[in-house]
Amino acid sequence: MKKRGRGKLAALAASLIILYGGSVSEAAALSIQEAVDLALAQNTSLRITEKGEDTAKANLKSARGANSFDVGLSGSLTDGRTNSESRQDNGSLSLRVGLPIYSGGRNQANIESAEIGVDAARLKTERAREDLRLSVIQAYYNVLEAKKKTEIGQETVEKYQAHLTNVEQLFTAGSKARLDVLRSSVELTNARQALLKAENDYEVKMLTLKNLLRIDAKEELILTEDFKFVPFHPGMDACVDYAYLHRKDLLIDLYNLKQRELDVKAARAGFLPSLSLSASTGASERYNPGSDNSHNYQVGLSASWNLFDSGVTQAAVDKAKTARDQAELTLVKDKEDVSFAVRQLYYSMREAERRFSVTKAAVSEAEEDYYIASEKYRAGQGILLDIIDSQEALATAELNFNSAQYDYARYKAAVENAMGLGLGEDPGIADPVRTAEREAYIRERGGLPDSPPNSKDYRRAKEIIDANTPAKWAEEAAREAAEAREGKGDR
């Protein structure tokens, strides 16, 4: 990420600290985006990952230095006497300059590999930022869901408490048996235990979110945003192809493959001669006795060629080729994993979306059922089991409805992350700047293929990217919905 962007995040973090203060007495109120921005500015793990960019830049500087001038300076000053001879004082100073002319391609390959390493380190940081964003969003919704569970648990306890009071009054009046009082008391105790678990789960989920934001565990945190249904239009195949072109870790695999190919080239340089240019100058002077000065300079061109090394160079080449083959297989495997992950998450998101509409109606029906059962029992026409069953059904329906909501929100964020959607990018609109940037990367590195000579997958991905318009995706989503309705009708 550019330093300017990091500066904005740092400024945001500072403003949040100033706004909310560092004391426990003041509560921080954060929306989802504010929570993400705060985590991006303060998360320690992300800052550790960013240091990898500095390491890659240092490696590039070292590789370039190995193919450039090196200058050496040496000097000496001696004072000595042998037997009865007079004392002798001598001094010398020399300067040497060297420049590699030809290394068989080793230095050039190392430089190119280090340049690719800088790109890969930057992409690794971007991917870490995207993963952190997903973790914060999921943790945010986890807290909201846990809070809703505690509210439902509290309502359940209040209903059971009110019902127990009613049963005790009816028992006192002689219209209900002692067994109803005992059973109602047991159900109330169970509901209280479930509430305690829900409250503890809420505290744990809140602590997890605070840890991601790197804020004090004792500081009160208020979440200002709740679930809002946002439709997701892209079809599954479009998401997979988008991921092939935009997932940073796939691009990193591609870069790693190119680096391993360069390692093979560097290893093969051992079969070739090397050539270097050197120049030196020096001066020496005798201080005592007398004065005897001398100056010299040398300019030379040296060549070396290792004609036989008992197979050491060939072993290095074979090792580099094996690493290259492993990198190629890793790329293929990771593409398969990406396709699987996107499809799996996509199915889960659509399933949660369907549950959302189904469970919403179930809550209204369960509320009506509970009201009828309560009134019948109060009038002496119902039984205790009807009350317990209807209350459990209502609580389950409410929990299922909330679970469907937050599952959809979490899976939607996970699908966007699996697609490789960058920070702030809209999944319904292809960003032409980023698309052009990714295409330039892929074009420069030789495509994103199953095997190096084949760029079929890249061409397919580019076709999908060219078709990435809201209208196209909406059309595909409508087609999938129609197919789902037809399938449901067949069953």
Protein backbone atom coordinates (compact mmCIF):
# COMPACT_ATOMS: atom_id res chain seq x y z
CA MET A 1 0.00 0.00 0.00
CA LYS A 2 1.17 3.51 -0.70
CA LYS A 3 2.54 5.52 2.18
CA ARG A 4 -0.07 8.18 1.55
CA GLY A 5 -2.83 5.65 2.26
CA ARG A 6 -1.10 4.53 5.43
CA GLY A 7 -0.84 8.14 6.51
CA LYS A 8 -4.59 8.55 6.14
CA LEU A 9 -5.20 5.47 8.28
CA ALA A 10 -2.78 6.72 10.91
CA ALA A 11 -4.56 10.07 10.94
CA LEU A 12 -7.89 8.26 11.30
CA ALA A 13 -6.57 6.26 14.23
CA ALA A 14 -5.29 9.43 15.89
CA SER A 15 -8.61 11.18 15.38
CA LEU A 16 -10.51 8.22 16.83
CA ILE A 17 -8.25 8.20 19.86
CA ILE A 18 -8.78 11.93 20.32
CA LEU A 19 -12.52 11.59 19.73
CA TYR A 20 -13.11 8.65 22.04
CA GLY A 21 -10.25 9.23 24.43
CA GLY A 22 -8.11 6.58 26.00
CA SER A 23 -10.07 6.30 29.24
CA VAL A 24 -12.35 3.48 30.23
CA SER A 25 -15.09 5.93 31.18
CA GLU A 26 -15.70 7.05 27.59
CA ALA A 27 -17.24 4.64 25.11
CA ALA A 28 -16.11 4.28 21.51
CA ALA A 29 -18.97 4.18 19.01
CA LEU A 30 -17.97 2.54 15.73
CA SER A 31 -19.70 1.65 12.49
CA ILE A 32 -18.43 -1.32 10.48
CA GLN A 33 -16.29 0.86 8.21
CA GLU A 34 -14.86 2.79 11.16
CA ALA A 35 -13.99 -0.50 12.87
CA VAL A 36 -12.25 -1.73 9.71
CA ASP A 37 -10.31 1.53 9.33
CA LEU A 38 -9.24 1.43 12.97
CA ALA A 39 -8.02 -2.17 12.65
CA LEU A 40 -6.09 -1.35 9.46
CA ALA A 41 -4.37 1.50 11.28
CA GLN A 42 -3.59 -0.29 14.56
CA ASN A 43 -3.50 -4.07 14.08
CA THR A 44 -0.07 -5.37 15.06
CA SER A 45 -0.15 -8.46 12.84
CA LEU A 46 -0.74 -6.30 9.79
CA ARG A 47 2.18 -4.06 10.69
CA ILE A 48 4.41 -7.14 10.95
CA THR A 49 3.32 -8.22 7.47
CA GLU A 50 4.07 -4.75 6.11
CA LYS A 51 7.67 -5.13 7.26
CA GLY A 52 8.03 -7.82 4.60
CA GLU A 53 7.95 -5.04 1.99
CA ASP A 54 11.00 -3.45 3.59
CA THR A 55 12.80 -6.80 3.55
CA ALA A 56 11.98 -7.28 -0.14
CA LYS A 57 13.26 -3.80 -0.96
CA ALA A 58 16.49 -4.52 0.91
CA ASN A 59 16.89 -7.75 -1.07
CA LEU A 60 16.46 -5.80 -4.30
CA LYS A 61 19.04 -3.25 -3.22
CA SER A 62 21.47 -6.08 -2.41
CA ALA A 63 20.90 -7.79 -5.78
CA ARG A 64 21.51 -4.57 -7.67
CA GLY A 65 24.62 -3.86 -5.62
CA ALA A 66 26.09 -7.24 -6.53
CA ASN A 67 26.01 -6.20 -10.21
CA SER A 68 27.51 -2.74 -9.69
CA PHE A 69 30.80 -1.14 -8.66
CA ASP A 70 32.55 -2.16 -5.50
CA VAL A 71 35.28 0.03 -4.07
CA GLY A 72 37.91 -1.05 -1.56
CA LEU A 73 40.46 1.00 0.36
CA SER A 74 43.37 -0.45 2.33
CA GLY A 75 46.38 1.01 4.07
CA SER A 76 49.18 0.09 6.43
CA LEU A 77 51.75 1.75 8.67
CA THR A 78 54.71 -0.27 10.01
CA ASP A 79 57.53 0.45 12.42
CA GLY A 80 60.35 -2.09 12.79
CA ARG A 81 64.05 -2.79 13.48
CA THR A 82 66.17 -5.88 12.72
CA ASN A 83 69.25 -6.62 14.88
CA SER A 84 71.66 -3.64 14.67
CA GLU A 85 69.94 -2.02 11.67
CA SER A 86 68.44 1.38 12.02
CA ARG A 87 64.74 1.86 12.65
CA GLN A 88 62.45 1.70 9.59
CA ASP A 89 59.05 3.40 9.23
CA ASN A 90 56.91 2.54 6.18
CA GLY A 91 53.42 3.51 5.01
CA SER A 92 51.21 2.38 2.11
CA LEU A 93 47.74 3.17 0.76
CA SER A 94 45.82 1.48 -2.07
CA LEU A 95 42.42 1.94 -3.76
CA ARG A 96 40.66 -0.80 -5.72
CA VAL A 97 37.57 -0.61 -7.95
CA GLY A 98 35.82 -3.65 -9.40
CA LEU A 99 32.89 -4.08 -11.81
CA PRO A 100 31.35 -7.37 -12.96
CA ILE A 101 30.96 -7.33 -16.75
CA TYR A 102 29.35 -10.71 -17.36
CA SER A 103 28.11 -13.28 -14.85
CA GLY A 104 26.47 -15.74 -17.19
CA GLY A 105 23.10 -14.11 -16.44
CA ARG A 106 23.23 -14.85 -12.69
CA ASN A 107 23.23 -11.22 -11.49
CA GLN A 108 20.53 -10.14 -13.93
CA ALA A 109 18.31 -13.06 -12.91
CA ASN A 110 18.78 -12.24 -9.22
CA ILE A 111 17.86 -8.60 -9.84
CA GLU A 112 14.70 -9.50 -11.75
CA SER A 113 13.77 -12.03 -9.07
CA ALA A 114 14.22 -9.39 -6.35
CA GLU A 115 12.05 -6.93 -8.32
CA ILE A 116 9.31 -9.54 -8.50
CA GLY A 117 9.80 -10.13 -4.77
CA VAL A 118 8.97 -6.48 -4.07
CA ASP A 119 5.72 -6.82 -6.03
CA ALA A 120 4.89 -10.07 -4.22
CA ALA A 121 5.54 -8.50 -0.80
CA ARG A 122 3.23 -5.61 -1.62
CA LEU A 123 0.51 -8.00 -2.75
CA LYS A 124 0.97 -10.04 0.42
CA THR A 125 0.34 -6.91 2.46
CA GLU A 126 -2.76 -6.10 0.39
CA ARG A 127 -4.08 -9.61 0.93
CA ALA A 128 -3.42 -9.37 4.66
CA ARG A 129 -5.39 -6.12 4.72
CA GLU A 130 -8.29 -7.79 2.92
CA ASP A 131 -8.22 -10.73 5.34
CA LEU A 132 -8.13 -8.36 8.31
CA ARG A 133 -11.11 -6.49 6.89
CA LEU A 134 -13.03 -9.78 6.63
CA SER A 135 -12.09 -10.75 10.19
CA VAL A 136 -13.31 -7.40 11.55
CA ILE A 137 -16.60 -7.55 9.61
CA GLN A 138 -17.29 -11.10 10.77
CA ALA A 139 -16.34 -10.25 14.36
CA TYR A 140 -18.59 -7.16 14.20
CA TYR A 141 -21.58 -9.25 13.08
CA ASN A 142 -20.72 -11.95 15.62
CA VAL A 143 -21.06 -9.37 18.39
CA LEU A 144 -24.38 -8.12 16.98
CA GLU A 145 -25.72 -11.65 16.73
CA ALA A 146 -24.55 -12.51 20.24
CA LYS A 147 -26.28 -9.38 21.52
CA LYS A 148 -29.52 -10.37 19.81
CA LYS A 149 -29.24 -13.83 21.39
CA THR A 150 -28.98 -12.27 24.84
CA GLU A 151 -32.02 -10.11 24.11
CA ILE A 152 -33.99 -13.15 22.97
CA GLY A 153 -32.78 -15.06 26.02
CA GLN A 154 -33.85 -12.21 28.29
CA GLU A 155 -37.30 -12.10 26.67
CA THR A 156 -37.61 -15.86 27.11
CA VAL A 157 -36.74 -15.59 30.81
CA GLU A 158 -39.30 -12.81 31.26
CA LYS A 159 -41.99 -14.86 29.52
CA TYR A 160 -41.25 -17.92 31.66
CA GLN A 161 -41.21 -15.73 34.79
CA ALA A 162 -44.58 -14.24 33.91
CA HIS A 163 -45.93 -17.69 33.12
CA LEU A 164 -44.65 -19.10 36.44
CA THR A 165 -46.33 -16.25 38.31
CA ASN A 166 -49.58 -16.99 36.49
CA VAL A 167 -49.33 -20.74 37.22
CA GLU A 168 -48.65 -20.07 40.92
CA GLN A 169 -51.74 -17.87 41.10
CA LEU A 170 -53.83 -20.52 39.38
CA PHE A 171 -52.41 -23.18 41.70
CA THR A 172 -53.28 -21.05 44.73
CA ALA A 173 -56.80 -20.71 43.36
CA GLY A 174 -56.94 -24.49 43.02
CA SER A 175 -57.37 -24.60 39.24
CA LYS A 176 -53.89 -25.97 38.42
CA ALA A 177 -51.85 -28.84 39.77
CA ARG A 178 -48.57 -28.59 41.69
CA LEU A 179 -46.89 -30.40 38.79
CA ASP A 180 -47.46 -27.38 36.52
CA VAL A 181 -45.73 -25.12 39.02
CA LEU A 182 -42.71 -27.40 39.27
CA ARG A 183 -42.41 -27.82 35.49
CA SER A 184 -42.71 -24.06 34.94
CA SER A 185 -40.02 -23.42 37.55
CA VAL A 186 -37.68 -25.90 35.84
CA GLU A 187 -38.23 -24.25 32.44
CA LEU A 188 -37.49 -20.84 33.97
CA THR A 189 -34.22 -22.15 35.45
CA ASN A 190 -33.21 -23.63 32.09
CA ALA A 191 -33.97 -20.34 30.37
CA ARG A 192 -31.83 -18.46 32.89
CA GLN A 193 -28.94 -20.86 32.30
CA ALA A 194 -29.26 -20.35 28.52
CA LEU A 195 -29.23 -16.59 29.12
CA LEU A 196 -26.04 -16.81 31.18
CA LYS A 197 -24.34 -18.72 28.36
CA ALA A 198 -25.54 -16.16 25.81
CA GLU A 199 -24.24 -13.29 27.93
CA ASN A 200 -20.84 -14.96 28.30
CA ASP A 201 -20.73 -15.64 24.54
CA TYR A 202 -21.43 -11.95 23.93
CA GLU A 203 -18.53 -10.91 26.17
CA VAL A 204 -16.17 -13.31 24.39
CA LYS A 205 -17.25 -12.08 20.94
CA MET A 206 -16.84 -8.47 22.05
CA LEU A 207 -13.37 -9.24 23.40
CA THR A 208 -12.44 -10.81 20.05
CA LEU A 209 -13.48 -7.68 18.19
CA LYS A 210 -11.57 -5.43 20.58
CA ASN A 211 -8.49 -7.57 20.11
CA LEU A 212 -8.68 -7.11 16.32
CA LEU A 213 -9.07 -3.35 16.81
CA ARG A 214 -6.24 -3.34 19.37
CA ILE A 215 -8.24 -1.36 21.89
CA ASP A 216 -8.28 -1.91 25.65
CA ALA A 217 -10.43 -4.83 26.75
CA LYS A 218 -11.92 -2.71 29.56
CA GLU A 219 -13.02 0.09 27.24
CA GLU A 220 -16.70 0.17 26.44
CA LEU A 221 -17.43 -0.30 22.75
CA ILE A 222 -20.73 0.64 21.13
CA LEU A 223 -21.61 -0.77 17.72
CA THR A 224 -23.67 1.77 15.82
CA GLU A 225 -24.54 -0.32 12.77
CA ASP A 226 -26.81 -3.34 12.41
CA PHE A 227 -27.70 -5.76 9.66
CA LYS A 228 -28.94 -4.26 6.42
CA PHE A 229 -29.83 -6.51 3.54
CA VAL A 230 -27.70 -5.65 0.50
CA PRO A 231 -28.39 -7.80 -2.57
CA PHE A 232 -25.45 -9.58 -4.20
CA HIS A 233 -25.86 -9.70 -7.98
CA PRO A 234 -22.79 -11.46 -9.47
CA GLY A 235 -23.27 -15.08 -10.48
CA MET A 236 -21.07 -17.85 -9.12
CA ASP A 237 -19.07 -18.45 -12.31
CA ALA A 238 -18.38 -14.73 -12.64
CA CYS A 239 -17.12 -14.69 -9.04
CA VAL A 240 -14.75 -17.59 -9.71
CA ASP A 241 -13.32 -16.01 -12.86
CA TYR A 242 -13.00 -12.67 -11.11
CA ALA A 243 -11.03 -14.41 -8.37
CA TYR A 244 -8.66 -15.97 -10.92
CA LEU A 245 -7.69 -12.50 -12.06
CA HIS A 246 -7.78 -10.57 -8.78
CA ARG A 247 -6.77 -12.87 -5.92
CA LYS A 248 -3.47 -11.51 -4.62
CA ASP A 249 -2.30 -14.90 -3.39
CA LEU A 250 -2.72 -16.36 -6.89
CA LEU A 251 -0.67 -13.52 -8.29
CA ILE A 252 1.92 -14.17 -5.59
CA ASP A 253 2.00 -17.83 -6.69
CA LEU A 254 2.55 -16.65 -10.25
CA TYR A 255 5.37 -14.38 -9.13
CA ASN A 256 6.90 -17.21 -7.14
CA LEU A 257 6.83 -19.43 -10.23
CA LYS A 258 8.62 -16.74 -12.22
CA GLN A 259 11.22 -16.39 -9.47
CA ARG A 260 11.87 -20.12 -9.49
CA GLU A 261 12.36 -19.98 -13.25
CA LEU A 262 14.91 -17.23 -12.71
CA ASP A 263 16.61 -19.40 -10.09
CA VAL A 264 17.08 -22.06 -12.78
CA LYS A 265 18.63 -19.43 -15.02
CA ALA A 266 20.93 -18.27 -12.22
CA ALA A 267 21.98 -21.86 -11.46
CA ARG A 268 22.78 -22.50 -15.13
CA ALA A 269 25.12 -19.52 -15.04
CA GLY A 270 27.56 -21.86 -13.29
CA PHE A 271 28.19 -23.53 -16.65
CA LEU A 272 29.19 -20.20 -18.24
CA PRO A 273 32.27 -18.01 -17.85
CA SER A 274 32.34 -14.81 -15.81
CA LEU A 275 34.09 -11.58 -16.69
CA SER A 276 35.00 -8.64 -14.45
CA LEU A 277 36.85 -5.35 -14.75
CA SER A 278 39.19 -4.14 -12.02
CA ALA A 279 41.34 -1.06 -11.46
CA SER A 280 43.63 -0.19 -8.60
CA THR A 281 46.09 2.45 -7.57
CA GLY A 282 48.50 2.60 -4.66
CA ALA A 283 51.25 4.57 -3.02
CA SER A 284 53.97 3.64 -0.53
CA GLU A 285 56.47 5.80 1.38
CA ARG A 286 59.43 5.15 3.65
CA TYR A 287 59.55 7.76 6.40
CA ASN A 288 62.71 6.63 8.23
CA PRO A 289 65.49 6.38 7.25
CA GLY A 290 65.45 8.76 4.32
CA SER A 291 62.59 9.07 1.89
CA ASP A 292 61.69 6.49 -0.68
CA ASN A 293 58.32 6.95 -2.39
CA SER A 294 56.60 4.86 -5.03
CA HIS A 295 53.26 5.00 -6.87
CA ASN A 296 51.53 2.38 -9.00
CA TYR A 297 48.27 1.68 -10.81
CA GLN A 298 46.74 -1.36 -12.47
CA VAL A 299 43.82 -1.89 -14.83
CA GLY A 300 42.80 -5.40 -15.70
CA LEU A 301 40.11 -7.60 -17.19
CA SER A 302 39.78 -11.03 -15.61
CA ALA A 303 37.81 -14.05 -16.76
CA SER A 304 37.07 -17.35 -15.07
CA TRP A 305 35.34 -20.52 -16.25
CA ASN A 306 34.78 -23.55 -14.08
CA LEU A 307 35.11 -26.42 -16.57
CA PHE A 308 34.47 -29.28 -14.16
CA ASP A 309 33.10 -29.26 -10.61
CA SER A 310 32.11 -32.92 -10.14
CA GLY A 311 28.42 -32.22 -10.82
CA VAL A 312 27.94 -29.48 -8.23
CA THR A 313 26.51 -26.99 -10.75
CA GLN A 314 24.24 -29.61 -12.34
CA ALA A 315 22.91 -30.53 -8.90
CA ALA A 316 22.12 -26.87 -8.26
CA VAL A 317 20.27 -26.70 -11.59
CA ASP A 318 18.29 -29.86 -10.80
CA LYS A 319 17.37 -28.48 -7.38
CA ALA A 320 16.19 -25.21 -8.93
CA LYS A 321 14.10 -27.11 -11.51
CA THR A 322 12.44 -29.13 -8.76
CA ALA A 323 11.57 -25.93 -6.89
CA ARG A 324 10.15 -24.51 -10.13
CA ASP A 325 7.97 -27.60 -10.68
CA GLN A 326 6.74 -27.36 -7.09
CA ALA A 327 5.85 -23.70 -7.62
CA GLU A 328 3.94 -24.59 -10.78
CA LEU A 329 1.96 -27.30 -9.00
CA THR A 330 1.30 -24.95 -6.09
CA LEU A 331 -0.22 -22.44 -8.52
CA VAL A 332 -2.49 -25.09 -10.00
CA LYS A 333 -3.50 -26.36 -6.55
CA ASP A 334 -4.21 -22.88 -5.21
CA LYS A 335 -6.39 -22.11 -8.23
CA GLU A 336 -8.38 -25.26 -7.50
CA ASP A 337 -8.67 -24.24 -3.83
CA VAL A 338 -9.80 -20.74 -4.78
CA SER A 339 -12.49 -22.11 -7.08
CA PHE A 340 -13.70 -24.48 -4.37
CA ALA A 341 -13.70 -21.77 -1.69
CA VAL A 342 -15.61 -19.26 -3.81
CA ARG A 343 -18.24 -21.81 -4.84
CA GLN A 344 -18.66 -23.16 -1.32
CA LEU A 345 -19.06 -19.70 0.20
CA TYR A 346 -21.38 -18.63 -2.62
CA TYR A 347 -23.71 -21.59 -1.97
CA SER A 348 -23.70 -20.82 1.77
CA MET A 349 -24.50 -17.16 1.11
CA ARG A 350 -27.45 -18.00 -1.15
CA GLU A 351 -28.70 -20.57 1.37
CA ALA A 352 -28.59 -17.95 4.15
CA GLU A 353 -30.40 -15.52 1.85
CA ARG A 354 -33.24 -18.02 1.34
CA ARG A 355 -33.39 -18.80 5.07
CA PHE A 356 -33.68 -15.08 5.74
CA SER A 357 -36.98 -14.79 3.85
CA VAL A 358 -38.35 -18.09 5.18
CA THR A 359 -37.58 -17.55 8.87
CA LYS A 360 -38.94 -13.99 8.82
CA ALA A 361 -42.44 -15.37 8.28
CA ALA A 362 -41.86 -18.12 10.85
CA VAL A 363 -41.29 -15.55 13.61
CA SER A 364 -44.72 -13.96 13.06
CA GLU A 365 -46.38 -17.37 13.04
CA ALA A 366 -44.56 -18.44 16.22
CA GLU A 367 -45.58 -15.22 18.03
CA GLU A 368 -49.21 -15.84 17.12
CA ASP A 369 -48.97 -19.48 18.23
CA TYR A 370 -47.50 -18.47 21.59
CA TYR A 371 -50.22 -15.87 22.17
CA ILE A 372 -52.98 -18.40 21.43
CA ALA A 373 -51.42 -21.05 23.66
CA SER A 374 -51.01 -18.55 26.53
CA GLU A 375 -54.59 -17.32 26.33
CA LYS A 376 -56.01 -20.86 26.16
CA TYR A 377 -53.99 -21.88 29.20
CA ARG A 378 -55.09 -18.77 31.06
CA ALA A 379 -58.70 -19.62 30.27
CA GLY A 380 -58.22 -23.16 31.53
CA GLN A 381 -58.60 -24.78 28.08
CA GLY A 382 -54.93 -25.48 27.32
CA ILE A 383 -52.20 -27.58 28.84
CA LEU A 384 -48.75 -26.65 30.11
CA LEU A 385 -46.98 -28.52 27.32
CA ASP A 386 -48.58 -26.23 24.73
CA ILE A 387 -47.06 -23.20 26.49
CA ILE A 388 -43.60 -24.78 26.67
CA ASP A 389 -43.67 -25.96 23.06
CA SER A 390 -44.87 -22.62 21.70
CA GLN A 391 -42.28 -20.69 23.73
CA GLU A 392 -39.47 -22.94 22.49
CA ALA A 393 -40.75 -22.60 18.93
CA LEU A 394 -40.84 -18.81 19.23
CA ALA A 395 -37.32 -18.60 20.63
CA THR A 396 -36.03 -20.97 17.95
CA ALA A 397 -37.73 -18.99 15.18
CA GLU A 398 -36.23 -15.72 16.44
CA LEU A 399 -32.77 -17.26 16.75
CA ASN A 400 -33.04 -18.77 13.26
CA PHE A 401 -34.13 -15.46 11.79
CA ASN A 402 -31.24 -13.58 13.36
CA SER A 403 -28.80 -16.34 12.45
CA ALA A 404 -29.94 -16.18 8.80
CA GLN A 405 -29.45 -12.41 8.73
CA TYR A 406 -25.95 -12.42 10.11
CA ASP A 407 -24.96 -15.58 8.23
CA TYR A 408 -25.84 -13.81 4.99
CA ALA A 409 -23.84 -10.74 5.97
CA ARG A 410 -20.82 -12.82 6.99
CA TYR A 411 -20.94 -15.08 3.94
CA LYS A 412 -21.36 -12.11 1.63
CA ALA A 413 -18.22 -10.54 3.08
CA ALA A 414 -16.43 -13.91 2.78
CA VAL A 415 -17.43 -14.27 -0.89
CA GLU A 416 -16.10 -10.80 -1.64
CA ASN A 417 -12.88 -11.69 0.14
CA ALA A 418 -12.58 -14.99 -1.73
CA MET A 419 -13.05 -13.11 -5.01
CA GLY A 420 -10.09 -10.93 -4.15
CA LEU A 421 -12.19 -7.79 -4.03
CA GLY A 422 -9.98 -4.92 -2.93
CA LEU A 423 -10.71 -2.55 -0.05
CA GLY A 424 -13.50 -0.18 -0.93
CA GLU A 425 -14.36 -1.94 -4.21
CA ASP A 426 -17.98 -2.54 -5.18
CA PRO A 427 -18.68 -6.19 -6.12
CA GLY A 428 -21.20 -5.00 -8.69
CA ILE A 429 -18.83 -2.80 -10.68
CA ALA A 430 -15.43 -3.73 -12.08
CA ASP A 431 -12.86 -1.07 -11.26
CA PRO A 432 -11.19 -0.26 -14.62
CA VAL A 433 -8.02 1.04 -12.96
CA ARG A 434 -7.48 -2.07 -10.87
CA THR A 435 -8.50 -4.32 -13.75
CA ALA A 436 -5.94 -2.67 -16.02
CA GLU A 437 -3.33 -2.99 -13.28
CA ARG A 438 -4.01 -6.70 -12.81
CA GLU A 439 -3.97 -7.28 -16.57
CA ALA A 440 -0.60 -5.53 -16.77
CA TYR A 441 0.78 -7.76 -14.03
CA ILE A 442 -0.49 -10.90 -15.71
CA ARG A 443 0.66 -9.83 -19.16
CA GLU A 444 4.12 -9.05 -17.81
CA ARG A 445 4.44 -12.30 -15.87
CA GLY A 446 3.20 -14.54 -18.63
CA GLY A 447 -0.47 -15.09 -17.84
CA LEU A 448 -2.20 -17.01 -15.08
CA PRO A 449 -2.25 -20.48 -16.65
CA ASP A 450 -2.42 -24.14 -15.68
CA SER A 451 1.02 -24.44 -17.23
CA PRO A 452 3.45 -21.68 -18.28
CA PRO A 453 2.92 -21.89 -22.10
CA ASN A 454 -0.90 -21.87 -21.82
CA SER A 455 -2.79 -18.66 -21.07
CA LYS A 456 -6.31 -19.97 -21.75
CA ASP A 457 -7.46 -19.18 -18.21
CA TYR A 458 -6.28 -15.61 -18.51
CA ARG A 459 -8.22 -15.09 -21.75
CA ARG A 460 -11.30 -16.58 -20.13
CA ALA A 461 -10.89 -14.37 -17.06
CA LYS A 462 -10.49 -11.28 -19.25
CA GLU A 463 -13.70 -12.13 -21.09
CA ILE A 464 -15.52 -12.32 -17.78
CA ILE A 465 -14.01 -9.05 -16.59
CA ASP A 466 -15.07 -7.34 -19.82
CA ALA A 467 -18.61 -8.56 -19.14
CA ASN A 468 -18.60 -7.39 -15.51
CA THR A 469 -21.46 -4.91 -15.59
CA PRO A 470 -24.35 -4.65 -13.11
CA ALA A 471 -26.80 -5.48 -15.91
CA LYS A 472 -24.95 -8.64 -16.91
CA TRP A 473 -24.66 -9.81 -13.32
CA ALA A 474 -28.28 -8.97 -12.55
CA GLU A 475 -29.30 -10.99 -15.62
CA GLU A 476 -27.28 -13.98 -14.41
CA ALA A 477 -28.67 -13.69 -10.89
CA ALA A 478 -32.23 -13.61 -12.28
CA ARG A 479 -31.49 -16.72 -14.34
CA GLU A 480 -30.17 -18.56 -11.26
CA ALA A 481 -33.24 -17.51 -9.25
CA ALA A 482 -35.55 -18.79 -12.02
CA GLU A 483 -33.69 -22.11 -12.11
CA ALA A 484 -33.98 -22.39 -8.32
CA ARG A 485 -37.74 -21.75 -8.47
CA GLU A 486 -38.18 -24.37 -11.19
CA GLY A 487 -36.19 -26.88 -9.15
CA LYS A 488 -38.35 -26.18 -6.11
CA GLY A 489 -41.50 -26.68 -8.19
CA ASP A 490 -40.25 -30.05 -9.46
CA ARG A 491 -39.76 -31.28 -5.92
